[in-house]
Amino acid sequence: MKRKVRLFGIAVMLAMLTACGSGGKEESSESDESRLPVEYTYEKDTIHYEEMSGRYAFLKDVEKTQTDCAAYYFETAISHEEREACIVATDRVLSCIAGTLPEIEVVVFKPESYNGIAVHGNTLYVPIQLWDSVEYVTGVLLAGYGEWGNYGLAYGYANHLCREAGWDYRETAGFRQMSNPDLYDLNLLCFDEQFVLPEDVEAAKNNACYFASEYLSAHSEEDFLKLLSDSGTVEGTVSANEVLEAFYKDNDVECSLTGIRYQYGGMFLDYAAACEYAVFYIDKDWQDQSWETNPKVSEHFLHEDYSEVRAFFECNVRQMKQYQEFFGFDGYNNNLSVNFKNSKETFYVPYLHTIYLGSVVSLSHEYIHSLMWKYCIGQSLWNVEGFARCYDCLYNDYAYDFWNYDYNNTVDFSPKMELATNKYIEHIGRPIDFRTDYRDFGDFLAYANWKVSDPNNDYQSGASFVAYLVDIYGKQEAFQYILTGNSGYNAEWGKSYDKLVQDWNAYLSQTYQWYRAE
């Protein structure tokens, strides 16, 4: 990293930074008159910034300077006094870190230009704020040691550095119990009153600082920074959680910590959440399109209750793993983005490897598309949408109750669909339960809606045909045929596509001969 440290005034800077080892505020509280301004050399630069929400991007002229501790980019309208305050404070606290500093960049905007907080790679994007606060230093540490790092670990160490720098810091009074075991995760949302109670925010801050103090008393700062860095990775989260769980056990708390990692949201995202299989981006104004008829989804779903947020993402980690194991496709790219957008439609964009999600009910369907896309040679409705529909209920905890409500109450269905659904419910003698009835009911709808069916009639017809082929010929052989979209003669089975369709229709007619439309 190139260092462009100014010669003029450097002795003044060094004198200020020596306060980090003194342990007292009095030695560091020099009067403004005793400090000479440091002259920083700036060069013009341009920042191209784009947030994952897709709703905020700009190309902005900035001025850049660099010290031994970090590179700084300031919006051109920011005053020299504000720039100096930021640089002096940031350099001062970073100089208190024992060990090699990472490459850190701080980009500062006027509040009217940018009022969010974001970390991308080793860069922190912030508006003008209090530069000697624990919250600001926490953001700097996340830029330096991993944008997905555990927020509580960063906060606790930031508090330690603020104390070393002679600033205000949080005194801890031992360990504090929290109202919900989930909150011991100490991730970003546990420090946000939007998601937890104010008293739990205070407890999270206290426990984060208490943990840092206890850990640093028995380990080196390099050990702590490695723990922070590891906590931002899939594998490292496991080891970091083990250390935290041991700390909680010493304080008579039994808890199981999440493997989900969280990140600042910037301007238009509430937050981002990462797991082994995908990164989820939650728009601030996103609302599930089906929340009013889905018992598992609240009006402000994923926006206000940490336990609800954690349960959802952990559920999807489990389900994504189950789908990958079920299909057994090799070489799937887990660098998948799932963007929660306000839209009546949900869809997967292959070239972006991104799902745009209007309702969580549809997530499994679109995830199947993302799994099968590069293996699907033929592009027909039955083998693309039918394949996804066939299995989108296989692992979909957030859809079962919704579908049960939707079909048992025949909401907004056509008269033909309502008649068929009511006949089916009458036939089985109870309400539909999608956990057990999905296949049978789906086959029935394919028959009831069309009688003589073409797999390309609709999604449900395609799903029924796919399930039939798997039943008759086995999963692996059927998948190979289905994904090629082969509509010709299958030598191994000794049947043409048309003959397979005829056999499927015969199966439906025999199975549902009891049904007579009125």
Protein backbone atom coordinates (compact mmCIF):
# COMPACT_ATOMS: atom_id res chain seq x y z
CA MET A 1 0.00 0.00 0.00
CA LYS A 2 1.47 3.31 -1.08
CA ARG A 3 1.85 5.80 1.75
CA LYS A 4 1.44 9.48 0.98
CA VAL A 5 2.05 10.89 4.40
CA ARG A 6 2.50 14.61 4.60
CA LEU A 7 5.84 15.80 5.96
CA PHE A 8 4.47 19.03 7.31
CA GLY A 9 2.82 18.51 10.64
CA ILE A 10 3.65 14.82 10.94
CA ALA A 11 5.38 15.35 14.27
CA VAL A 12 2.16 16.86 15.58
CA MET A 13 0.19 13.82 14.45
CA LEU A 14 2.62 11.42 16.10
CA ALA A 15 2.42 13.32 19.36
CA MET A 16 -1.35 13.05 19.29
CA LEU A 17 -1.30 9.33 18.56
CA THR A 18 0.97 8.55 21.50
CA ALA A 19 -2.04 9.12 23.75
CA CYS A 20 -3.31 5.63 22.79
CA GLY A 21 -0.90 3.95 25.16
CA SER A 22 -1.30 6.37 28.03
CA GLY A 23 -4.62 5.05 29.30
CA GLY A 24 -5.87 8.47 30.41
CA LYS A 25 -8.05 11.11 28.82
CA GLU A 26 -6.29 14.07 30.39
CA GLU A 27 -3.09 13.54 28.39
CA SER A 28 -5.03 13.38 25.13
CA SER A 29 -7.31 16.37 25.70
CA GLU A 30 -5.13 19.08 24.23
CA SER A 31 -6.71 22.46 23.67
CA ASP A 32 -7.41 23.50 20.08
CA GLU A 33 -4.85 26.29 20.43
CA SER A 34 -2.04 23.82 21.16
CA ARG A 35 -2.69 21.83 17.99
CA LEU A 36 -1.35 22.87 14.63
CA PRO A 37 -3.47 21.91 11.61
CA VAL A 38 -2.06 19.09 9.50
CA GLU A 39 -1.88 19.81 5.78
CA TYR A 40 -3.11 16.87 3.70
CA THR A 41 -2.33 16.50 0.05
CA TYR A 42 -5.43 15.72 -2.00
CA GLU A 43 -5.81 14.40 -5.50
CA LYS A 44 -9.00 14.45 -7.51
CA ASP A 45 -10.73 11.13 -7.99
CA THR A 46 -14.10 9.71 -8.94
CA ILE A 47 -16.17 7.25 -6.95
CA HIS A 48 -18.58 4.94 -8.73
CA TYR A 49 -20.94 3.56 -6.13
CA GLU A 50 -23.86 1.19 -6.62
CA GLU A 51 -25.86 -0.54 -3.93
CA MET A 52 -27.23 -4.05 -4.29
CA SER A 53 -30.77 -2.72 -4.03
CA GLY A 54 -30.37 -1.47 -7.60
CA ARG A 55 -32.14 1.71 -6.57
CA TYR A 56 -29.14 3.83 -5.64
CA ALA A 57 -26.05 4.51 -7.68
CA PHE A 58 -23.92 7.49 -8.57
CA LEU A 59 -20.70 8.63 -10.15
CA LYS A 60 -19.35 11.35 -7.87
CA ASP A 61 -16.26 13.54 -7.88
CA VAL A 62 -14.27 13.22 -4.66
CA GLU A 63 -10.91 14.23 -3.27
CA LYS A 64 -8.56 11.55 -1.97
CA THR A 65 -5.79 11.57 0.58
CA GLN A 66 -3.94 8.82 2.36
CA THR A 67 -2.17 8.26 5.66
CA ASP A 68 -0.27 5.37 7.15
CA CYS A 69 -3.55 4.02 8.51
CA ALA A 70 -6.16 4.42 5.77
CA ALA A 71 -7.17 6.01 2.47
CA TYR A 72 -9.83 8.72 2.64
CA TYR A 73 -12.24 9.95 -0.03
CA PHE A 74 -14.31 13.07 0.66
CA GLU A 75 -17.16 14.55 -1.30
CA THR A 76 -15.75 17.81 -2.64
CA ALA A 77 -18.20 20.03 -0.71
CA ILE A 78 -17.02 18.72 2.69
CA SER A 79 -15.01 21.30 4.62
CA HIS A 80 -11.33 20.90 5.47
CA GLU A 81 -12.19 21.08 9.18
CA GLU A 82 -14.57 18.11 8.87
CA ARG A 83 -12.05 16.17 6.82
CA GLU A 84 -9.34 16.74 9.40
CA ALA A 85 -11.66 15.66 12.22
CA CYS A 86 -12.41 12.41 10.42
CA ILE A 87 -8.78 11.65 9.52
CA VAL A 88 -7.33 12.51 12.93
CA ALA A 89 -9.94 10.48 14.81
CA THR A 90 -9.75 7.46 12.49
CA ASP A 91 -5.95 7.40 12.36
CA ARG A 92 -5.78 7.82 16.09
CA VAL A 93 -7.96 4.83 16.88
CA LEU A 94 -6.46 2.65 14.15
CA SER A 95 -2.99 3.32 15.49
CA CYS A 96 -4.12 1.69 18.73
CA ILE A 97 -4.52 -1.69 17.00
CA ALA A 98 -1.79 -4.10 17.98
CA GLY A 99 -0.66 -5.76 14.78
CA THR A 100 -0.60 -5.15 11.06
CA LEU A 101 -3.32 -2.84 9.80
CA PRO A 102 -5.48 -4.03 6.91
CA GLU A 103 -6.08 -1.93 3.79
CA ILE A 104 -8.96 0.35 4.83
CA GLU A 105 -10.79 2.96 2.76
CA VAL A 106 -13.26 5.47 4.20
CA VAL A 107 -15.59 7.32 1.81
CA VAL A 108 -17.39 10.28 3.39
CA PHE A 109 -20.42 12.08 1.95
CA LYS A 110 -22.57 14.96 3.05
CA PRO A 111 -25.75 13.67 4.78
CA GLU A 112 -27.95 15.09 2.03
CA SER A 113 -26.01 13.02 -0.51
CA TYR A 114 -25.94 9.78 1.45
CA ASN A 115 -27.50 8.91 4.81
CA GLY A 116 -26.90 5.18 4.91
CA ILE A 117 -23.99 3.04 6.08
CA ALA A 118 -22.46 0.38 3.86
CA VAL A 119 -19.35 -1.78 3.80
CA HIS A 120 -18.22 -3.31 0.52
CA GLY A 121 -14.94 -5.16 0.59
CA ASN A 122 -12.48 -3.01 2.53
CA THR A 123 -14.41 0.23 1.97
CA LEU A 124 -16.73 1.97 4.43
CA TYR A 125 -19.31 4.40 2.97
CA VAL A 126 -20.69 6.87 5.54
CA PRO A 127 -22.15 10.37 5.88
CA ILE A 128 -20.58 12.97 8.17
CA GLN A 129 -21.04 11.84 11.77
CA LEU A 130 -19.37 11.63 15.19
CA TRP A 131 -15.91 10.32 14.36
CA ASP A 132 -14.97 9.34 17.91
CA SER A 133 -18.00 7.09 18.48
CA VAL A 134 -17.92 3.34 19.07
CA GLU A 135 -20.47 2.90 16.26
CA TYR A 136 -18.26 4.62 13.68
CA VAL A 137 -15.18 2.67 14.75
CA THR A 138 -17.22 -0.55 14.47
CA GLY A 139 -17.90 0.22 10.81
CA VAL A 140 -14.22 0.91 10.20
CA LEU A 141 -13.29 -2.44 11.76
CA LEU A 142 -15.81 -4.31 9.61
CA ALA A 143 -14.27 -2.70 6.53
CA GLY A 144 -10.86 -3.79 7.70
CA TYR A 145 -11.54 -7.29 8.98
CA GLY A 146 -14.49 -8.54 6.97
CA GLU A 147 -17.73 -6.92 5.85
CA TRP A 148 -19.77 -9.93 7.02
CA GLY A 149 -18.03 -10.13 10.40
CA ASN A 150 -20.00 -10.47 13.62
CA TYR A 151 -21.15 -6.99 14.63
CA GLY A 152 -20.88 -7.69 18.36
CA LEU A 153 -17.25 -8.75 18.08
CA ALA A 154 -16.47 -5.60 16.10
CA TYR A 155 -18.42 -3.45 18.56
CA GLY A 156 -16.65 -4.90 21.58
CA TYR A 157 -13.22 -4.35 20.07
CA ALA A 158 -14.20 -0.85 18.90
CA ASN A 159 -15.10 -0.02 22.50
CA HIS A 160 -11.68 -1.30 23.60
CA LEU A 161 -9.95 0.93 21.02
CA CYS A 162 -12.00 3.97 22.05
CA ARG A 163 -10.86 3.44 25.63
CA GLU A 164 -7.24 3.14 24.47
CA ALA A 165 -7.64 6.38 22.51
CA GLY A 166 -8.92 8.20 25.59
CA TRP A 167 -12.46 8.66 24.24
CA ASP A 168 -15.84 7.93 25.77
CA TYR A 169 -16.39 4.21 25.97
CA ARG A 170 -18.84 1.78 27.52
CA GLU A 171 -18.15 0.53 31.03
CA THR A 172 -19.40 -3.01 31.58
CA ALA A 173 -20.91 -4.32 34.79
CA GLY A 174 -20.52 -8.03 34.24
CA PHE A 175 -22.81 -10.16 32.09
CA ARG A 176 -26.43 -9.19 31.33
CA GLN A 177 -29.22 -11.65 30.57
CA MET A 178 -31.26 -11.08 27.41
CA SER A 179 -34.99 -11.58 26.89
CA ASN A 180 -34.60 -14.15 24.10
CA PRO A 181 -31.84 -16.76 23.60
CA ASP A 182 -31.70 -15.87 19.89
CA LEU A 183 -30.30 -12.45 20.76
CA TYR A 184 -27.03 -13.86 22.06
CA ASP A 185 -26.00 -14.10 18.39
CA LEU A 186 -24.70 -10.51 18.76
CA ASN A 187 -25.07 -9.89 15.03
CA LEU A 188 -26.06 -6.58 13.46
CA LEU A 189 -29.83 -6.86 14.03
CA CYS A 190 -29.36 -7.52 17.74
CA PHE A 191 -28.09 -3.93 18.05
CA ASP A 192 -31.08 -2.38 16.24
CA GLU A 193 -34.22 -1.27 18.11
CA GLN A 194 -36.19 -1.93 14.93
CA PHE A 195 -35.71 -5.66 15.58
CA VAL A 196 -35.26 -6.02 19.36
CA LEU A 197 -36.30 -4.29 22.58
CA PRO A 198 -34.27 -1.24 23.70
CA GLU A 199 -33.17 -3.07 26.85
CA ASP A 200 -31.86 -5.92 24.69
CA VAL A 201 -29.87 -3.47 22.59
CA GLU A 202 -28.25 -2.21 25.78
CA ALA A 203 -27.61 -5.78 26.91
CA ALA A 204 -26.08 -6.65 23.53
CA LYS A 205 -23.72 -3.68 23.74
CA ASN A 206 -22.78 -4.53 27.29
CA ASN A 207 -22.17 -8.22 26.57
CA ALA A 208 -20.18 -7.48 23.42
CA CYS A 209 -17.87 -5.17 25.38
CA TYR A 210 -17.70 -7.58 28.31
CA PHE A 211 -16.77 -10.46 25.99
CA ALA A 212 -14.04 -8.39 24.32
CA SER A 213 -12.62 -7.37 27.68
CA GLU A 214 -12.62 -10.96 28.97
CA TYR A 215 -11.17 -12.40 25.77
CA LEU A 216 -8.42 -9.79 25.49
CA SER A 217 -7.38 -10.40 29.07
CA ALA A 218 -6.54 -14.00 28.14
CA HIS A 219 -5.55 -13.70 24.47
CA SER A 220 -3.64 -11.36 22.18
CA GLU A 221 -5.29 -8.69 20.10
CA GLU A 222 -4.19 -10.58 16.99
CA ASP A 223 -6.17 -13.58 18.27
CA PHE A 224 -9.23 -11.36 18.70
CA LEU A 225 -8.89 -9.86 15.21
CA LYS A 226 -8.59 -13.32 13.72
CA LEU A 227 -11.79 -14.29 15.52
CA LEU A 228 -13.51 -11.20 14.09
CA SER A 229 -12.22 -11.92 10.61
CA ASP A 230 -13.23 -15.60 10.79
CA SER A 231 -16.75 -14.71 11.94
CA GLY A 232 -17.43 -13.23 8.50
CA THR A 233 -16.92 -16.51 6.64
CA VAL A 234 -19.04 -19.66 6.36
CA GLU A 235 -16.44 -21.88 8.02
CA GLY A 236 -15.18 -19.28 10.49
CA THR A 237 -18.66 -18.60 11.83
CA VAL A 238 -18.64 -22.09 13.35
CA SER A 239 -15.41 -21.55 15.29
CA ALA A 240 -16.37 -18.00 16.32
CA ASN A 241 -19.72 -19.25 17.61
CA GLU A 242 -17.98 -21.98 19.61
CA VAL A 243 -15.91 -19.34 21.39
CA LEU A 244 -18.99 -17.23 22.10
CA GLU A 245 -21.00 -20.22 23.31
CA ALA A 246 -18.20 -21.13 25.73
CA PHE A 247 -18.31 -17.54 27.03
CA TYR A 248 -22.08 -17.80 27.53
CA LYS A 249 -21.76 -21.16 29.25
CA ASP A 250 -19.31 -19.60 31.71
CA ASN A 251 -22.07 -17.10 32.42
CA ASP A 252 -24.73 -19.79 32.93
CA VAL A 253 -26.45 -19.28 29.57
CA GLU A 254 -27.28 -22.16 27.23
CA CYS A 255 -27.82 -21.00 23.66
CA SER A 256 -27.36 -22.07 20.07
CA LEU A 257 -25.98 -19.36 17.80
CA THR A 258 -26.97 -18.85 14.19
CA GLY A 259 -24.74 -19.36 11.17
CA ILE A 260 -26.45 -16.50 9.30
CA ARG A 261 -24.30 -13.40 8.83
CA TYR A 262 -25.69 -9.88 8.45
CA GLN A 263 -24.51 -6.67 6.83
CA TYR A 264 -25.42 -2.98 6.74
CA GLY A 265 -28.18 -2.09 4.30
CA GLY A 266 -27.03 1.26 2.90
CA MET A 267 -29.69 3.62 1.56
CA PHE A 268 -32.54 1.37 0.46
CA LEU A 269 -31.91 -2.01 2.10
CA ASP A 270 -32.82 -2.80 5.68
CA TYR A 271 -29.95 -5.30 5.71
CA ALA A 272 -28.40 -8.17 3.82
CA ALA A 273 -28.17 -11.73 5.14
CA ALA A 274 -25.69 -14.35 3.95
CA CYS A 275 -25.56 -18.11 4.26
CA GLU A 276 -23.66 -20.90 2.55
CA TYR A 277 -26.10 -21.04 -0.37
CA ALA A 278 -27.15 -17.45 -1.09
CA VAL A 279 -27.09 -13.78 -0.10
CA PHE A 280 -30.46 -12.17 0.62
CA TYR A 281 -31.05 -8.42 0.14
CA ILE A 282 -34.11 -6.99 1.94
CA ASP A 283 -35.52 -3.72 0.61
CA LYS A 284 -36.66 -1.33 3.35
CA ASP A 285 -40.13 -1.00 1.83
CA TRP A 286 -40.52 -4.66 0.80
CA GLN A 287 -43.76 -6.31 1.83
CA ASP A 288 -44.63 -9.91 1.04
CA GLN A 289 -47.36 -9.93 -1.60
CA SER A 290 -49.20 -12.77 0.17
CA TRP A 291 -48.88 -11.69 3.79
CA GLU A 292 -52.63 -11.29 4.37
CA THR A 293 -53.36 -14.95 3.51
CA ASN A 294 -50.18 -16.57 4.80
CA PRO A 295 -50.31 -17.48 8.51
CA LYS A 296 -46.50 -17.61 8.76
CA VAL A 297 -45.97 -14.12 7.33
CA SER A 298 -46.77 -10.94 9.25
CA GLU A 299 -47.53 -7.50 7.84
CA HIS A 300 -43.97 -6.35 8.54
CA PHE A 301 -42.36 -9.73 7.91
CA LEU A 302 -38.52 -9.67 8.07
CA HIS A 303 -38.56 -6.01 9.14
CA GLU A 304 -39.23 -5.97 12.87
CA ASP A 305 -38.60 -9.17 14.84
CA TYR A 306 -35.16 -10.72 15.01
CA SER A 307 -36.39 -14.19 15.99
CA GLU A 308 -38.73 -14.20 12.99
CA VAL A 309 -35.88 -13.09 10.73
CA ARG A 310 -33.52 -15.74 12.07
CA ALA A 311 -36.14 -18.51 11.76
CA PHE A 312 -36.80 -17.63 8.12
CA PHE A 313 -33.19 -17.62 6.97
CA GLU A 314 -32.26 -20.71 8.95
CA CYS A 315 -35.26 -22.49 7.41
CA ASN A 316 -34.06 -21.59 3.93
CA VAL A 317 -30.52 -22.73 4.65
CA ARG A 318 -31.97 -26.12 5.58
CA GLN A 319 -34.25 -26.24 2.56
CA MET A 320 -31.62 -25.15 0.05
CA LYS A 321 -29.33 -27.87 1.34
CA GLN A 322 -32.15 -30.41 1.04
CA TYR A 323 -32.88 -29.39 -2.55
CA GLN A 324 -29.23 -29.64 -3.56
CA GLU A 325 -28.96 -33.08 -2.03
CA PHE A 326 -32.26 -34.22 -3.59
CA PHE A 327 -31.38 -33.23 -7.15
CA GLY A 328 -27.70 -34.12 -6.85
CA PHE A 329 -26.58 -31.68 -9.55
CA ASP A 330 -22.81 -31.20 -9.52
CA GLY A 331 -20.99 -27.87 -9.57
CA TYR A 332 -23.84 -25.59 -8.56
CA ASN A 333 -22.80 -21.96 -8.09
CA ASN A 334 -23.74 -20.92 -4.54
CA ASN A 335 -22.99 -17.30 -5.36
CA LEU A 336 -26.73 -16.70 -5.68
CA SER A 337 -28.45 -13.38 -4.94
CA VAL A 338 -32.05 -13.22 -3.72
CA ASN A 339 -33.46 -9.70 -3.93
CA PHE A 340 -36.68 -9.02 -2.03
CA LYS A 341 -38.55 -6.61 -4.31
CA ASN A 342 -42.05 -5.17 -4.31
CA SER A 343 -43.52 -7.00 -7.26
CA LYS A 344 -46.46 -9.27 -7.98
CA GLU A 345 -44.12 -11.51 -9.90
CA THR A 346 -41.19 -13.60 -8.74
CA PHE A 347 -38.60 -14.76 -11.25
CA TYR A 348 -35.06 -16.03 -11.72
CA VAL A 349 -32.63 -14.26 -14.08
CA PRO A 350 -30.03 -16.83 -15.22
CA TYR A 351 -27.35 -14.47 -16.55
CA LEU A 352 -27.40 -12.55 -13.24
CA HIS A 353 -27.84 -15.72 -11.16
CA THR A 354 -30.37 -13.71 -9.18
CA ILE A 355 -33.87 -14.36 -7.87
CA TYR A 356 -36.26 -11.41 -7.58
CA LEU A 357 -38.75 -12.27 -4.88
CA GLY A 358 -42.21 -10.77 -4.39
CA SER A 359 -43.39 -13.45 -1.96
CA VAL A 360 -41.53 -16.04 0.10
CA VAL A 361 -44.06 -18.64 -1.06
CA SER A 362 -42.31 -18.69 -4.44
CA LEU A 363 -38.72 -18.92 -3.22
CA SER A 364 -38.43 -22.71 -3.53
CA HIS A 365 -39.84 -22.64 -7.07
CA GLU A 366 -37.31 -20.07 -8.23
CA TYR A 367 -34.50 -21.79 -6.35
CA ILE A 368 -35.22 -24.97 -8.32
CA HIS A 369 -34.91 -22.93 -11.53
CA SER A 370 -31.50 -21.71 -10.36
CA LEU A 371 -30.42 -25.29 -9.63
CA MET A 372 -31.59 -26.85 -12.90
CA TRP A 373 -30.94 -24.05 -15.38
CA LYS A 374 -27.53 -25.02 -16.72
CA TYR A 375 -28.59 -28.68 -16.97
CA CYS A 376 -31.86 -27.99 -18.81
CA ILE A 377 -31.15 -28.33 -22.53
CA GLY A 378 -34.72 -28.31 -23.82
CA GLN A 379 -36.83 -25.24 -23.06
CA SER A 380 -40.48 -26.29 -22.93
CA LEU A 381 -43.09 -25.28 -20.40
CA TRP A 382 -43.50 -28.85 -19.13
CA ASN A 383 -39.82 -29.51 -18.47
CA VAL A 384 -38.95 -26.04 -17.10
CA GLU A 385 -41.97 -24.75 -15.20
CA GLY A 386 -43.51 -28.19 -14.78
CA PHE A 387 -40.27 -29.51 -13.28
CA ALA A 388 -40.07 -26.63 -10.79
CA ARG A 389 -43.77 -26.90 -9.90
CA CYS A 390 -43.45 -30.63 -9.36
CA TYR A 391 -40.93 -30.13 -6.55
CA ASP A 392 -41.52 -26.61 -5.22
CA CYS A 393 -43.61 -28.04 -2.39
CA LEU A 394 -41.08 -30.72 -1.48
CA TYR A 395 -39.28 -28.44 1.01
CA ASN A 396 -41.25 -25.23 1.48
CA ASP A 397 -42.28 -24.57 5.08
CA TYR A 398 -43.44 -21.03 4.31
CA ALA A 399 -45.91 -22.20 1.64
CA TYR A 400 -47.88 -25.12 3.09
CA ASP A 401 -50.26 -23.10 5.27
CA PHE A 402 -50.66 -20.49 2.56
CA TRP A 403 -51.66 -23.07 -0.05
CA ASN A 404 -53.93 -24.84 2.41
CA TYR A 405 -55.76 -21.58 3.05
CA ASP A 406 -55.79 -20.59 -0.60
CA TYR A 407 -57.27 -23.80 -1.98
CA ASN A 408 -59.52 -24.77 0.92
CA ASN A 409 -61.13 -21.33 0.70
CA THR A 410 -60.95 -21.21 -3.14
CA VAL A 411 -59.83 -17.60 -3.08
CA ASP A 412 -60.12 -15.78 -6.44
CA PHE A 413 -60.45 -19.03 -8.39
CA SER A 414 -62.38 -19.44 -11.62
CA PRO A 415 -65.74 -21.24 -11.33
CA LYS A 416 -64.19 -24.31 -12.98
CA MET A 417 -61.31 -24.38 -10.49
CA GLU A 418 -63.66 -23.83 -7.56
CA LEU A 419 -65.88 -26.70 -8.71
CA ALA A 420 -62.93 -29.07 -9.11
CA THR A 421 -61.44 -28.10 -5.73
CA ASN A 422 -64.74 -28.54 -3.90
CA LYS A 423 -65.24 -31.92 -5.57
CA TYR A 424 -61.78 -33.04 -4.48
CA ILE A 425 -62.35 -31.94 -0.87
CA GLU A 426 -65.69 -33.76 -0.90
CA HIS A 427 -64.00 -36.88 -2.26
CA ILE A 428 -61.23 -37.04 0.40
CA GLY A 429 -63.65 -36.01 3.15
CA ARG A 430 -61.47 -33.34 4.77
CA PRO A 431 -59.63 -30.09 3.95
CA ILE A 432 -56.60 -30.30 1.65
CA ASP A 433 -53.25 -30.64 3.42
CA PHE A 434 -50.46 -29.73 1.04
CA ARG A 435 -47.81 -31.52 3.07
CA THR A 436 -49.44 -34.86 2.19
CA ASP A 437 -51.91 -34.13 -0.65
CA TYR A 438 -49.75 -32.04 -2.96
CA ARG A 439 -48.98 -34.76 -5.51
CA ASP A 440 -52.44 -36.29 -5.60
CA PHE A 441 -54.24 -32.95 -5.72
CA GLY A 442 -51.87 -31.70 -8.43
CA ASP A 443 -52.54 -34.76 -10.61
CA PHE A 444 -56.25 -34.30 -10.06
CA LEU A 445 -56.18 -30.65 -11.13
CA ALA A 446 -54.25 -31.59 -14.29
CA TYR A 447 -57.04 -34.05 -15.12
CA ALA A 448 -60.01 -31.96 -13.98
CA ASN A 449 -58.97 -28.82 -15.87
CA TRP A 450 -58.21 -30.47 -19.20
CA LYS A 451 -59.44 -34.09 -19.19
CA VAL A 452 -57.22 -34.93 -22.20
CA SER A 453 -54.00 -33.29 -21.13
CA ASP A 454 -50.95 -31.95 -22.89
CA PRO A 455 -48.00 -31.49 -20.48
CA ASN A 456 -47.68 -27.97 -21.91
CA ASN A 457 -51.24 -26.97 -20.97
CA ASP A 458 -50.07 -25.27 -17.79
CA TYR A 459 -47.57 -25.56 -14.93
CA GLN A 460 -49.68 -28.16 -13.12
CA SER A 461 -50.01 -30.41 -16.15
CA GLY A 462 -46.25 -30.27 -16.66
CA ALA A 463 -45.68 -31.07 -12.97
CA SER A 464 -48.00 -34.06 -13.14
CA PHE A 465 -46.24 -35.43 -16.24
CA VAL A 466 -42.80 -34.98 -14.63
CA ALA A 467 -43.91 -36.78 -11.46
CA TYR A 468 -45.38 -39.62 -13.54
CA LEU A 469 -42.14 -40.16 -15.46
CA VAL A 470 -40.15 -40.23 -12.20
CA ASP A 471 -42.56 -42.75 -10.69
CA ILE A 472 -42.36 -45.09 -13.69
CA TYR A 473 -38.71 -44.80 -14.73
CA GLY A 474 -36.86 -43.68 -11.61
CA LYS A 475 -35.50 -40.28 -10.61
CA GLN A 476 -32.11 -40.27 -12.32
CA GLU A 477 -33.25 -41.72 -15.67
CA ALA A 478 -36.34 -39.53 -15.72
CA PHE A 479 -34.33 -36.41 -14.87
CA GLN A 480 -31.96 -37.11 -17.72
CA TYR A 481 -34.89 -37.35 -20.13
CA ILE A 482 -36.81 -34.42 -18.68
CA LEU A 483 -33.92 -31.95 -18.67
CA THR A 484 -33.06 -32.65 -22.30
CA GLY A 485 -36.64 -31.76 -23.21
CA ASN A 486 -36.57 -34.75 -25.55
CA SER A 487 -39.82 -34.99 -27.53
CA GLY A 488 -38.61 -37.82 -29.75
CA TYR A 489 -38.25 -41.56 -29.35
CA ASN A 490 -36.62 -42.91 -26.20
CA ALA A 491 -34.81 -46.08 -27.20
CA GLU A 492 -34.07 -47.13 -23.65
CA TRP A 493 -37.73 -46.95 -22.69
CA GLY A 494 -38.91 -48.06 -26.13
CA LYS A 495 -41.45 -45.24 -26.30
CA SER A 496 -41.95 -41.97 -28.11
CA TYR A 497 -42.82 -38.74 -26.33
CA ASP A 498 -46.38 -38.97 -27.66
CA LYS A 499 -46.73 -42.50 -26.28
CA LEU A 500 -45.45 -41.35 -22.86
CA VAL A 501 -48.08 -38.60 -22.88
CA GLN A 502 -50.78 -41.14 -23.77
CA ASP A 503 -49.69 -43.42 -20.91
CA TRP A 504 -49.77 -40.48 -18.50
CA ASN A 505 -53.29 -39.53 -19.63
CA ALA A 506 -54.43 -43.11 -19.17
CA TYR A 507 -53.06 -43.05 -15.64
CA LEU A 508 -54.95 -39.83 -14.83
CA SER A 509 -58.21 -41.12 -16.35
CA GLN A 510 -58.04 -44.35 -14.39
CA THR A 511 -57.09 -42.68 -11.11
CA TYR A 512 -59.72 -39.91 -11.23
CA GLN A 513 -62.57 -41.63 -13.05
CA TRP A 514 -64.75 -40.79 -10.05
CA TYR A 515 -64.70 -37.11 -11.04
CA ARG A 516 -67.54 -35.76 -13.13
CA ALA A 517 -67.76 -32.06 -13.86
CA GLU A 518 -71.20 -30.54 -13.58
